[in-house]
N, C-alpha and C. Protein backbone atom coordinates (compact mmCIF):
# COMPACT_ATOMS: atom_id res chain seq x y z
N MET A 1 0.57 -1.13 0.02
CA MET A 1 0.07 -0.18 0.12
C MET A 1 0.79 1.12 0.07
N GLY A 2 0.71 2.13 -0.57
CA GLY A 2 1.56 3.38 -0.79
C GLY A 2 0.97 4.36 0.43
N MET A 3 1.76 5.20 0.32
CA MET A 3 2.02 6.25 1.49
C MET A 3 0.28 6.82 1.46
N GLU A 4 0.26 7.46 0.30
CA GLU A 4 -0.89 8.31 0.21
C GLU A 4 -2.13 7.56 0.61
N ALA A 5 -2.52 6.19 -0.06
CA ALA A 5 -3.22 5.57 0.33
C ALA A 5 -3.39 5.16 1.81
N ALA A 6 -2.23 5.08 2.69
CA ALA A 6 -2.36 4.54 3.61
C ALA A 6 -2.58 5.84 4.68
N VAL A 7 -2.53 7.03 4.30
CA VAL A 7 -2.70 8.18 4.75
C VAL A 7 -4.24 8.33 4.92
N GLU A 8 -4.87 8.15 3.35
CA GLU A 8 -6.23 8.59 3.01
C GLU A 8 -7.27 7.23 3.77
N GLY A 9 -6.33 6.24 4.05
CA GLY A 9 -7.23 4.95 4.65
C GLY A 9 -7.18 5.75 6.16
N LEU A 10 -6.53 6.04 6.77
CA LEU A 10 -6.47 6.64 8.17
C LEU A 10 -7.54 7.50 8.35
N VAL A 11 -7.53 8.52 7.32
CA VAL A 11 -8.37 9.89 7.26
C VAL A 11 -10.14 9.43 7.59
N ARG A 12 -9.91 8.19 6.09
CA ARG A 12 -11.59 7.80 5.97
C ARG A 12 -11.85 6.87 7.12
N ALA A 13 -10.88 6.15 8.14
CA ALA A 13 -11.62 5.44 9.12
C ALA A 13 -11.77 5.94 10.20
N GLU A 14 -10.85 7.40 10.60
CA GLU A 14 -11.27 8.49 11.41
C GLU A 14 -12.53 9.32 11.17
N ALA A 15 -12.93 9.50 9.95
CA ALA A 15 -14.13 9.76 9.77
C ALA A 15 -15.12 8.96 9.85
N ASP A 16 -14.93 7.72 9.37
CA ASP A 16 -16.19 6.61 9.90
C ASP A 16 -16.50 6.52 11.11
N CYS A 17 -15.46 6.63 12.07
CA CYS A 17 -15.48 6.27 13.43
C CYS A 17 -16.19 7.33 14.49
N SER A 18 -15.98 8.66 13.59
CA SER A 18 -16.45 9.75 14.44
C SER A 18 -17.59 10.29 14.02
N GLY A 19 -18.13 10.06 12.94
CA GLY A 19 -19.19 10.45 11.85
C GLY A 19 -19.42 11.62 11.70
N GLU A 20 -17.95 12.32 11.82
CA GLU A 20 -17.74 13.48 10.98
C GLU A 20 -16.15 13.62 11.07
N GLN A 21 -15.96 14.78 10.29
CA GLN A 21 -14.17 14.87 10.24
C GLN A 21 -13.56 14.96 11.04
N GLY A 22 -14.09 15.46 12.33
CA GLY A 22 -12.86 15.24 13.46
C GLY A 22 -11.83 15.77 13.68
N VAL A 23 -10.66 15.50 12.54
CA VAL A 23 -9.58 16.45 12.44
C VAL A 23 -9.17 17.47 11.71
N SER A 24 -8.66 18.51 11.79
CA SER A 24 -8.49 19.53 11.22
C SER A 24 -7.90 19.25 9.94
N GLN A 25 -7.82 20.04 8.85
CA GLN A 25 -7.11 20.08 7.58
C GLN A 25 -5.58 20.28 8.23
N ARG A 26 -5.19 21.01 8.77
CA ARG A 26 -3.93 21.31 9.50
C ARG A 26 -3.47 20.37 10.05
N ALA A 27 -4.19 19.66 10.73
CA ALA A 27 -3.72 18.27 11.64
C ALA A 27 -3.58 17.15 10.46
N ARG A 28 -4.41 16.95 9.57
CA ARG A 28 -4.28 16.19 8.67
C ARG A 28 -2.96 16.07 7.92
N ALA A 29 -2.72 17.78 7.60
CA ALA A 29 -1.59 17.87 6.47
C ALA A 29 -0.27 17.35 7.49
N ALA A 30 -0.08 17.89 8.71
CA ALA A 30 0.84 17.71 9.75
C ALA A 30 1.24 16.18 9.70
N PHE A 31 0.06 15.51 9.61
CA PHE A 31 0.37 14.02 10.05
C PHE A 31 0.48 13.37 8.80
N ARG A 32 0.31 14.00 7.42
CA ARG A 32 0.89 13.40 5.99
C ARG A 32 2.08 13.73 6.09
N GLU A 33 2.55 14.59 6.15
CA GLU A 33 4.10 15.28 6.45
C GLU A 33 4.64 14.27 7.15
N LEU A 34 4.40 13.83 8.30
CA LEU A 34 5.26 13.14 9.40
C LEU A 34 5.12 11.82 8.99
N PHE A 35 4.14 11.35 8.14
CA PHE A 35 3.81 10.30 7.71
C PHE A 35 4.88 9.85 6.38
N GLU A 36 5.03 11.06 5.90
CA GLU A 36 5.78 10.88 4.28
C GLU A 36 7.04 10.77 5.01
N GLU A 37 7.53 11.54 5.81
CA GLU A 37 9.08 11.97 5.75
C GLU A 37 9.52 10.50 7.09
N HIS A 38 8.75 9.82 7.89
CA HIS A 38 9.50 8.95 8.50
C HIS A 38 9.04 7.74 8.56
N TYR A 39 8.38 7.18 7.69
CA TYR A 39 7.57 5.91 7.61
C TYR A 39 8.43 4.87 7.28
N ALA A 40 9.41 5.37 6.18
CA ALA A 40 10.15 4.37 5.88
C ALA A 40 11.46 4.18 6.77
N GLN A 41 11.65 5.32 7.50
CA GLN A 41 12.78 5.35 8.63
C GLN A 41 12.36 4.50 9.84
N VAL A 42 10.66 4.52 10.07
CA VAL A 42 10.54 3.65 11.19
C VAL A 42 10.53 2.71 11.21
N ARG A 43 10.05 2.08 9.74
CA ARG A 43 9.79 0.90 9.70
C ARG A 43 11.37 0.29 9.69
N ALA A 44 12.45 0.90 9.01
CA ALA A 44 13.33 0.57 8.59
C ALA A 44 14.28 0.04 10.18
N PHE A 45 14.05 0.68 11.23
CA PHE A 45 14.38 0.95 12.68
C PHE A 45 13.81 -0.54 13.29
N ALA A 46 12.48 -0.64 12.80
CA ALA A 46 12.02 -1.88 13.42
C ALA A 46 12.53 -2.98 13.01
N ARG A 47 12.55 -3.01 11.43
CA ARG A 47 13.01 -4.25 10.69
C ARG A 47 14.56 -4.55 11.51
N ARG A 48 15.32 -3.61 11.93
CA ARG A 48 16.93 -3.73 12.43
C ARG A 48 16.77 -4.34 13.97
N ARG A 49 15.84 -3.97 14.68
CA ARG A 49 15.40 -4.81 15.58
C ARG A 49 14.76 -5.87 15.78
N THR A 50 13.87 -6.14 14.76
CA THR A 50 12.94 -7.66 14.90
C THR A 50 13.52 -8.51 13.77
N GLY A 51 14.61 -7.99 12.85
CA GLY A 51 14.65 -8.79 11.83
C GLY A 51 13.82 -9.34 10.74
N SER A 52 12.42 -9.28 10.99
CA SER A 52 11.32 -9.54 10.09
C SER A 52 10.83 -7.98 9.33
N LEU A 53 10.53 -8.18 8.19
CA LEU A 53 10.20 -7.08 7.24
C LEU A 53 8.39 -7.41 7.88
N PRO A 54 7.75 -8.34 7.73
CA PRO A 54 6.10 -8.20 7.66
C PRO A 54 6.33 -7.85 9.50
N THR A 55 7.04 -8.05 10.51
CA THR A 55 6.68 -7.76 11.92
C THR A 55 6.89 -6.34 11.88
N ALA A 56 8.16 -5.86 10.93
CA ALA A 56 8.40 -4.26 11.06
C ALA A 56 7.22 -3.55 10.78
N GLU A 57 6.80 -4.06 9.61
CA GLU A 57 5.50 -3.33 8.98
C GLU A 57 4.78 -3.17 9.65
N ASP A 58 4.46 -4.30 10.40
CA ASP A 58 2.89 -4.32 11.67
C ASP A 58 3.47 -3.11 12.62
N ILE A 59 4.57 -3.15 12.99
CA ILE A 59 5.32 -2.26 14.07
C ILE A 59 4.82 -0.69 13.62
N ALA A 60 5.35 -0.51 12.35
CA ALA A 60 5.33 0.79 12.08
C ALA A 60 4.10 1.38 11.64
N GLN A 61 3.10 0.49 11.06
CA GLN A 61 2.18 0.90 10.90
C GLN A 61 1.05 1.13 12.48
N GLU A 62 1.59 0.47 13.51
CA GLU A 62 0.81 0.52 14.75
C GLU A 62 1.42 1.71 15.02
N VAL A 63 2.59 2.42 15.07
CA VAL A 63 3.26 3.34 15.46
C VAL A 63 2.35 4.72 14.82
N PHE A 64 2.05 4.40 13.65
CA PHE A 64 1.51 5.56 13.22
C PHE A 64 0.09 5.62 13.26
N ARG A 65 -0.54 4.48 13.54
CA ARG A 65 -1.86 4.41 14.04
C ARG A 65 -2.13 4.92 15.34
N LEU A 66 -1.19 4.96 16.32
CA LEU A 66 -1.16 5.78 17.45
C LEU A 66 -0.77 7.07 17.30
N ALA A 67 -0.01 7.28 16.45
CA ALA A 67 -0.04 9.04 16.19
C ALA A 67 -1.13 9.75 15.48
N TRP A 68 -1.87 8.57 14.56
CA TRP A 68 -3.19 9.74 14.12
C TRP A 68 -3.83 9.84 15.15
N GLU A 69 -4.02 8.93 16.40
CA GLU A 69 -5.00 9.21 17.43
C GLU A 69 -4.66 10.18 18.31
N ARG A 70 -3.80 10.65 18.24
CA ARG A 70 -3.26 12.03 18.92
C ARG A 70 -2.97 13.37 18.08
N THR A 71 -3.09 13.12 17.04
CA THR A 71 -2.77 14.01 15.97
C THR A 71 -3.44 15.51 16.45
N GLU A 72 -4.82 15.44 16.60
CA GLU A 72 -5.24 16.86 17.03
C GLU A 72 -4.99 17.26 18.31
N SER A 73 -4.99 16.43 19.22
CA SER A 73 -4.77 17.27 20.47
C SER A 73 -3.38 17.27 20.99
N ARG A 74 -2.23 16.49 20.42
CA ARG A 74 -0.97 16.71 20.89
C ARG A 74 -0.47 16.00 19.39
N PRO A 75 0.06 16.91 18.66
CA PRO A 75 0.70 16.10 17.43
C PRO A 75 2.03 15.31 17.69
N PRO A 76 1.95 14.28 17.31
CA PRO A 76 3.59 13.63 18.09
C PRO A 76 4.79 14.29 17.18
N SER A 77 5.73 14.03 17.47
CA SER A 77 7.12 14.53 17.04
C SER A 77 7.86 13.31 16.57
N ALA A 78 8.73 13.38 15.84
CA ALA A 78 9.86 12.03 15.54
C ALA A 78 10.25 11.64 16.36
N GLY A 79 10.69 12.02 17.42
CA GLY A 79 11.20 11.61 18.89
C GLY A 79 10.21 10.32 19.31
N TRP A 80 8.89 11.03 18.97
CA TRP A 80 7.77 10.02 19.87
C TRP A 80 7.45 8.92 19.34
N LEU A 81 7.57 8.98 17.58
CA LEU A 81 7.70 7.89 16.94
C LEU A 81 8.54 6.68 16.90
N TYR A 82 10.01 7.26 17.26
CA TYR A 82 10.84 5.98 17.48
C TYR A 82 10.67 5.31 19.17
N ILE A 83 10.35 6.32 20.02
CA ILE A 83 10.12 5.65 21.35
C ILE A 83 9.11 4.87 21.30
N THR A 84 7.72 5.30 20.56
CA THR A 84 6.70 4.56 20.41
C THR A 84 7.45 3.10 19.73
N ALA A 85 7.89 3.33 18.87
CA ALA A 85 8.48 2.03 18.27
C ALA A 85 9.06 0.93 19.03
N ARG A 86 9.88 1.84 19.84
CA ARG A 86 10.96 0.89 20.58
C ARG A 86 9.97 0.09 21.66
N ASN A 87 9.48 0.98 22.04
CA ASN A 87 8.35 0.29 23.00
C ASN A 87 7.28 -1.12 22.17
N LEU A 88 7.05 -0.69 21.26
CA LEU A 88 6.01 -1.88 20.68
C LEU A 88 7.00 -2.73 19.80
N ILE A 89 8.40 -2.67 19.72
CA ILE A 89 9.72 -3.92 19.52
C ILE A 89 9.66 -4.64 20.88
N ALA A 90 9.78 -3.73 21.94
CA ALA A 90 10.05 -4.23 23.29
C ALA A 90 8.83 -5.60 23.57
N SER A 91 7.46 -4.91 23.54
CA SER A 91 6.37 -5.78 23.63
C SER A 91 6.32 -7.03 22.63
N HIS A 92 6.95 -6.68 21.57
CA HIS A 92 7.23 -8.13 20.70
C HIS A 92 7.98 -9.18 20.95
N HIS A 93 9.45 -8.67 21.47
CA HIS A 93 10.38 -9.55 21.78
C HIS A 93 10.06 -10.36 23.10
N ARG A 94 9.02 -9.41 23.89
CA ARG A 94 8.67 -10.28 25.08
C ARG A 94 7.72 -11.26 24.97
N GLY A 95 6.58 -10.92 23.42
CA GLY A 95 6.20 -12.04 23.54
C GLY A 95 6.52 -13.50 22.48
N GLU A 96 7.59 -12.55 21.88
CA GLU A 96 8.53 -13.92 21.29
C GLU A 96 9.36 -14.68 22.36
N LEU A 97 9.83 -13.95 23.47
CA LEU A 97 10.19 -14.82 24.57
C LEU A 97 9.32 -15.83 24.91
N ARG A 98 7.89 -15.27 25.39
CA ARG A 98 7.14 -16.17 25.69
C ARG A 98 6.89 -17.21 25.23
N LEU A 99 6.32 -16.88 23.50
CA LEU A 99 6.58 -18.02 22.55
C LEU A 99 7.74 -19.17 22.56
N ALA A 100 8.86 -18.84 22.54
CA ALA A 100 10.12 -19.36 22.88
C ALA A 100 9.84 -20.42 24.17
N GLN A 101 9.49 -19.94 25.00
CA GLN A 101 9.54 -20.67 26.35
C GLN A 101 8.50 -21.85 26.25
N LEU A 102 7.34 -21.44 25.85
CA LEU A 102 6.10 -22.38 25.45
C LEU A 102 6.55 -23.13 24.49
N ASN A 103 7.55 -23.40 23.42
CA ASN A 103 8.10 -23.92 22.57
C ASN A 103 8.86 -24.96 23.24
N GLN A 104 9.85 -24.13 23.92
CA GLN A 104 10.99 -24.97 25.23
C GLN A 104 10.11 -26.08 25.76
N ALA A 105 9.08 -25.65 26.69
CA ALA A 105 8.31 -26.74 27.29
C ALA A 105 7.65 -27.68 26.54
N ILE A 106 7.20 -27.48 25.29
CA ILE A 106 6.59 -28.52 24.56
C ILE A 106 7.42 -29.29 24.23
N ALA A 107 8.89 -28.71 23.79
CA ALA A 107 9.55 -29.77 23.36
C ALA A 107 10.38 -30.60 24.43
N LEU A 108 10.15 -30.22 25.40
CA LEU A 108 10.80 -30.93 26.65
C LEU A 108 10.06 -32.08 27.10
N GLU A 109 8.72 -31.58 26.93
CA GLU A 109 7.40 -32.60 27.31
C GLU A 109 7.33 -33.90 26.17
N LEU A 110 7.75 -33.54 25.04
CA LEU A 110 7.82 -34.45 24.21
C LEU A 110 9.22 -34.96 23.78
N GLY A 111 9.89 -34.67 24.32
CA GLY A 111 11.64 -35.57 24.41
C GLY A 111 12.19 -34.80 23.14
N ARG A 112 11.52 -33.78 22.74
CA ARG A 112 12.43 -33.18 21.69
C ARG A 112 13.61 -32.18 22.08
N ASP A 113 14.54 -31.93 21.28
CA ASP A 113 15.88 -30.88 21.57
C ASP A 113 15.54 -29.71 21.22
N GLY A 114 15.61 -28.74 21.97
CA GLY A 114 15.03 -27.22 22.20
C GLY A 114 15.96 -26.01 22.37
N GLU A 115 17.08 -26.74 21.98
CA GLU A 115 18.49 -26.08 22.61
C GLU A 115 18.16 -24.76 21.71
N MET A 116 18.24 -24.79 20.62
CA MET A 116 18.40 -23.28 19.95
C MET A 116 17.23 -22.35 19.96
N PRO A 117 16.18 -22.70 20.11
CA PRO A 117 15.11 -21.78 20.65
C PRO A 117 15.21 -21.27 22.27
N GLN A 118 15.87 -22.11 22.80
CA GLN A 118 16.14 -21.62 24.47
C GLN A 118 16.94 -20.52 24.33
N ARG A 119 17.93 -20.81 23.49
CA ARG A 119 19.40 -19.91 23.27
C ARG A 119 18.80 -18.70 22.84
N ARG A 120 17.80 -18.59 22.13
CA ARG A 120 17.35 -17.16 21.37
C ARG A 120 16.48 -16.41 22.44
N ALA A 121 15.74 -17.28 23.19
CA ALA A 121 14.81 -17.02 24.25
C ALA A 121 15.94 -16.50 25.58
N ASP A 122 16.99 -17.11 25.89
CA ASP A 122 18.01 -16.47 26.66
C ASP A 122 18.44 -15.27 26.32
N LEU A 123 18.76 -15.04 24.82
CA LEU A 123 19.14 -14.13 24.61
C LEU A 123 18.46 -12.75 24.83
N PHE A 124 17.18 -13.02 24.71
CA PHE A 124 16.07 -12.16 24.46
C PHE A 124 15.83 -11.71 25.86
N HIS A 125 15.91 -12.48 26.94
CA HIS A 125 15.57 -12.62 28.16
C HIS A 125 16.85 -11.31 28.78
N ALA A 126 18.13 -12.00 28.49
CA ALA A 126 19.08 -11.20 28.82
C ALA A 126 19.20 -9.71 28.64
N LEU A 127 18.81 -9.73 27.49
CA LEU A 127 18.51 -8.35 26.59
C LEU A 127 17.67 -7.35 27.72
N GLU A 128 16.62 -8.05 27.98
CA GLU A 128 15.71 -7.31 28.47
C GLU A 128 15.96 -7.12 30.07
N GLN A 129 17.09 -7.80 30.79
CA GLN A 129 17.42 -7.60 32.00
C GLN A 129 18.48 -6.46 32.03
N LEU A 130 18.95 -5.96 31.08
CA LEU A 130 20.16 -5.09 31.12
C LEU A 130 19.54 -3.79 31.49
N PRO A 131 19.87 -2.89 32.11
CA PRO A 131 19.47 -1.40 32.11
C PRO A 131 19.48 -0.68 30.69
N GLU A 132 18.30 -0.21 30.49
CA GLU A 132 18.13 0.41 29.29
C GLU A 132 18.98 1.24 28.19
N PRO A 133 19.72 1.92 29.32
CA PRO A 133 20.91 2.68 28.55
C PRO A 133 21.77 1.34 27.77
N GLN A 134 22.51 0.43 28.59
CA GLN A 134 23.10 -0.72 27.76
C GLN A 134 22.47 -1.29 26.85
N ARG A 135 21.24 -1.78 27.15
CA ARG A 135 20.36 -2.70 25.96
C ARG A 135 20.42 -1.53 24.71
N GLU A 136 19.98 -0.38 24.76
CA GLU A 136 19.81 0.45 23.72
C GLU A 136 20.99 0.73 22.86
N MET A 137 22.36 0.53 23.61
CA MET A 137 23.85 1.03 23.24
C MET A 137 23.94 -0.23 22.29
N LEU A 138 24.12 -1.53 22.85
CA LEU A 138 24.16 -3.05 22.27
C LEU A 138 23.48 -2.97 20.59
N LEU A 139 21.91 -2.63 20.96
CA LEU A 139 21.24 -2.78 19.85
C LEU A 139 21.70 -1.65 19.03
N ALA A 140 21.81 -0.38 19.23
CA ALA A 140 22.35 0.29 18.34
C ALA A 140 23.67 0.10 17.49
N HIS A 141 24.56 -0.63 18.34
CA HIS A 141 25.74 -0.99 17.68
C HIS A 141 25.83 -2.52 17.06
N TYR A 142 25.14 -2.92 17.30
CA TYR A 142 25.19 -4.61 16.72
C TYR A 142 24.04 -4.67 15.75
N TRP A 143 22.96 -4.05 15.89
CA TRP A 143 21.73 -4.08 15.08
C TRP A 143 21.68 -3.43 13.76
N ASP A 144 22.02 -1.58 14.33
CA ASP A 144 22.07 -0.89 13.75
C ASP A 144 23.41 -0.48 12.94
N GLY A 145 24.41 -0.80 13.52
CA GLY A 145 25.58 -0.79 13.08
C GLY A 145 26.05 0.57 13.15
N LEU A 146 25.37 1.38 14.30
CA LEU A 146 26.31 2.50 14.54
C LEU A 146 27.62 2.27 15.37
N LYS A 147 28.78 3.24 15.30
CA LYS A 147 29.65 3.46 15.56
C LYS A 147 30.23 4.57 15.69
N GLY A 148 31.34 4.75 16.72
CA GLY A 148 32.18 5.72 17.07
C GLY A 148 31.28 6.80 17.43
N GLN A 149 31.26 8.20 16.59
CA GLN A 149 30.87 9.35 17.32
C GLN A 149 29.09 9.33 16.94
N ALA A 150 29.04 8.54 16.23
CA ALA A 150 27.42 8.36 15.66
C ALA A 150 26.73 7.40 16.96
N LEU A 151 27.32 6.29 17.52
CA LEU A 151 27.05 5.81 18.72
C LEU A 151 27.04 6.60 19.99
N ALA A 152 28.03 7.50 20.20
CA ALA A 152 27.95 8.28 21.26
C ALA A 152 27.30 9.45 21.11
N ASP A 153 26.85 10.10 19.98
CA ASP A 153 25.53 10.97 19.88
C ASP A 153 24.54 10.27 20.37
N TYR A 154 23.99 8.93 19.75
CA TYR A 154 22.90 8.35 20.36
C TYR A 154 22.71 8.02 21.51
N CYS A 155 23.79 7.77 22.16
CA CYS A 155 23.96 7.22 23.77
C CYS A 155 23.94 8.41 24.49
N GLY A 156 24.12 9.48 24.07
CA GLY A 156 24.38 10.67 24.87
C GLY A 156 25.49 10.75 25.67
N CYS A 157 26.94 10.25 25.31
CA CYS A 157 28.23 10.09 26.18
C CYS A 157 29.30 10.15 25.01
N PRO A 158 30.31 11.28 25.80
CA PRO A 158 31.35 11.55 24.77
C PRO A 158 31.90 10.08 23.94
N LYS A 159 32.66 10.29 22.62
CA LYS A 159 32.99 9.06 22.09
C LYS A 159 33.85 8.75 22.97
N THR A 160 35.03 9.53 23.81
CA THR A 160 36.23 8.44 24.30
C THR A 160 35.47 7.60 25.50
N ALA A 161 34.02 7.78 25.93
CA ALA A 161 33.68 6.93 26.91
C ALA A 161 32.83 5.66 26.41
N ILE A 162 32.44 5.70 25.22
CA ILE A 162 31.57 4.58 24.48
C ILE A 162 31.96 3.52 24.09
N TRP A 163 33.48 3.41 24.20
CA TRP A 163 34.24 1.78 23.83
C TRP A 163 34.12 0.98 25.21
N MET A 164 34.23 1.84 26.17
CA MET A 164 34.28 1.33 27.41
C MET A 164 32.96 0.90 27.83
N ARG A 165 31.88 1.79 27.74
CA ARG A 165 30.54 1.42 28.13
C ARG A 165 30.16 0.46 27.44
N LEU A 166 30.56 0.29 26.11
CA LEU A 166 30.30 -0.92 25.06
C LEU A 166 30.55 -2.18 25.65
N SER A 167 31.79 -1.94 25.95
CA SER A 167 32.89 -3.44 26.79
C SER A 167 31.75 -3.73 28.05
N ARG A 168 31.51 -2.80 28.71
CA ARG A 168 30.63 -3.23 30.23
C ARG A 168 29.29 -3.85 29.59
N ALA A 169 28.88 -3.28 29.03
CA ALA A 169 27.32 -3.78 28.53
C ALA A 169 27.46 -5.29 27.74
N ARG A 170 28.46 -5.51 27.17
CA ARG A 170 28.79 -6.76 26.60
C ARG A 170 29.09 -7.98 27.78
N ARG A 171 29.85 -7.31 28.76
CA ARG A 171 30.56 -8.22 29.56
C ARG A 171 29.02 -8.55 30.55
N GLU A 172 28.05 -7.47 30.81
CA GLU A 172 26.76 -7.74 31.55
C GLU A 172 25.74 -8.51 30.74
N LEU A 173 25.83 -8.56 29.35
CA LEU A 173 25.15 -9.50 28.72
C LEU A 173 25.52 -10.84 28.95
N ARG A 174 26.68 -10.94 28.40
CA ARG A 174 27.42 -12.02 28.77
C ARG A 174 26.88 -12.98 30.33
N THR A 175 27.58 -12.14 31.09
CA THR A 175 26.90 -12.56 32.59
C THR A 175 25.79 -13.41 32.56
N LEU A 176 24.41 -12.06 31.90
CA LEU A 176 23.50 -12.74 32.10
C LEU A 176 23.19 -13.76 31.32
N MET A 177 23.25 -13.93 30.01
CA MET A 177 23.41 -15.32 29.30
C MET A 177 23.90 -16.60 30.21
N GLU A 178 24.91 -16.52 30.60
CA GLU A 178 25.80 -17.33 31.48
C GLU A 178 24.99 -17.84 32.73
N GLU A 179 23.76 -16.80 33.30
CA GLU A 179 23.04 -17.12 34.40
C GLU A 179 22.05 -17.72 33.89
N GLY A 180 21.48 -17.37 32.62
CA GLY A 180 20.08 -17.99 32.18
C GLY A 180 20.53 -19.53 31.50
N GLN A 181 21.68 -19.59 31.24
CA GLN A 181 21.94 -21.06 30.98
C GLN A 181 21.90 -22.05 32.27
N SER A 182 22.37 -21.78 33.37
CA SER A 182 22.57 -22.31 34.37
C SER A 182 21.26 -22.58 35.29
């Protein structure tokens, strides 16, 4: 579905639900601009963190559905889009973790080897256990490919400190992964 069609779909859905136009033309134009400028980037952000284009598209669509709901009262910023995407991705990972745990329990019950799904579940669990700044730093570095000054800017710390912080985050993740295996 093209961006224009998606925006128009949201406008029609909103009008159908409210029985009237509801959102001002100015708010619609602002939303359309926000959508056109950031949809592809939010989808790419989600894809890097989920590894799945269909999941990333679902997350991006949900981000913009939520953005549409608040367009008139409090127009969302680009930062709000990414924070919302991050929260939806975390929710998605928690769901995957629960599914992996269920699959592991079923595999154990049936006497089948469930080692690889468990290792992935351990990784997601360990990532969730990390403090948010460490988790975001690892994800930005390894999944998004940020390095050097770009990583430092993203994490809000000096470039001279980023490698030490990254090393600590890796060490903490490794410790959490080992605890999850025992």
